[in-house]
Amino acid sequence: MRSLKKIMMMVLVGAFAFVPMVSVDAAETDIKQVSTGEEFLAAIKDENVTNIELTDDIEITERGVITTTKKY
């Protein structure tokens, strides 16, 4: 069971490694800063949050799917 959690975390971290990095002006964008897994999950569930900044390493034990409607 622990190895499954490690594999899931590696997949999640690996997925974020391929997300394109985009420079944004913080003055023009509302950025929600999170430092825990709980804050991160709350931020992605909040419809008013459009940008999330991780300010520390986080651990997530809950499974879920993150989707976006942002058009590039």
Protein backbone atom coordinates (compact mmCIF):
# COMPACT_ATOMS: atom_id res chain seq x y z
CA MET A 1 0.00 0.00 0.00
CA ARG A 2 2.84 2.41 0.83
CA SER A 3 4.51 1.74 -2.49
CA LEU A 4 1.23 2.58 -4.25
CA LYS A 5 1.19 5.95 -2.48
CA LYS A 6 4.79 6.59 -3.51
CA ILE A 7 3.99 5.71 -7.12
CA MET A 8 0.92 7.97 -7.14
CA MET A 9 2.95 10.86 -5.69
CA MET A 10 5.69 10.35 -8.28
CA VAL A 11 3.08 10.39 -11.06
CA LEU A 12 1.57 13.60 -9.68
CA VAL A 13 4.97 15.29 -9.36
CA GLY A 14 5.95 14.05 -12.82
CA ALA A 15 2.77 15.46 -14.33
CA PHE A 16 3.55 18.90 -12.91
CA ALA A 17 7.05 18.73 -14.40
CA PHE A 18 5.53 18.90 -17.89
CA VAL A 19 3.21 21.84 -17.20
CA PRO A 20 4.53 24.84 -19.15
CA MET A 21 5.96 27.60 -17.03
CA VAL A 22 4.28 30.94 -17.67
CA SER A 23 5.46 34.26 -16.35
CA VAL A 24 2.67 36.37 -14.86
CA ASP A 25 2.53 39.81 -13.35
CA ALA A 26 1.38 39.40 -9.74
CA ALA A 27 -0.15 42.89 -9.78
CA GLU A 28 -2.57 41.84 -12.51
CA THR A 29 -3.35 38.36 -11.20
CA ASP A 30 -4.79 37.09 -7.95
CA ILE A 31 -2.47 34.34 -6.71
CA LYS A 32 -3.52 32.01 -3.88
CA GLN A 33 -0.42 30.98 -1.92
CA VAL A 34 -0.58 27.54 -0.30
CA SER A 35 1.92 25.68 1.87
CA THR A 36 0.02 22.50 2.84
CA GLY A 37 -1.81 19.74 1.03
CA GLU A 38 -5.07 20.78 2.69
CA GLU A 39 -4.68 24.40 1.48
CA PHE A 40 -3.87 23.16 -2.03
CA LEU A 41 -6.95 20.93 -2.20
CA ALA A 42 -9.14 23.74 -0.88
CA ALA A 43 -7.69 26.14 -3.47
CA ILE A 44 -8.35 23.84 -6.43
CA LYS A 45 -11.93 23.29 -5.25
CA ASP A 46 -12.54 27.05 -4.90
CA GLU A 47 -14.09 28.36 -8.13
CA ASN A 48 -12.78 31.88 -7.38
CA VAL A 49 -9.11 30.80 -7.34
CA THR A 50 -7.48 31.00 -10.76
CA ASN A 51 -3.77 30.84 -9.81
CA ILE A 52 -2.07 28.79 -7.10
CA GLU A 53 1.49 29.29 -5.86
CA LEU A 54 3.12 26.52 -3.82
CA THR A 55 5.20 28.16 -1.10
CA ASP A 56 6.49 24.90 0.39
CA ASP A 57 6.69 21.18 -0.32
CA ILE A 58 3.25 19.60 0.08
CA GLU A 59 1.97 16.08 0.58
CA ILE A 60 -1.37 15.01 -0.84
CA THR A 61 -2.98 11.74 0.18
CA GLU A 62 -6.32 12.30 -1.55
CA ARG A 63 -6.94 11.23 -5.14
CA GLY A 64 -8.54 13.59 -7.62
CA VAL A 65 -8.57 15.03 -11.09
CA ILE A 66 -7.53 18.59 -11.87
CA THR A 67 -9.02 20.13 -14.98
CA THR A 68 -8.78 23.58 -16.46
CA THR A 69 -10.92 25.69 -18.75
CA LYS A 70 -8.15 28.20 -19.41
CA LYS A 71 -7.58 28.93 -23.07
CA TYR A 72 -4.04 29.59 -24.25
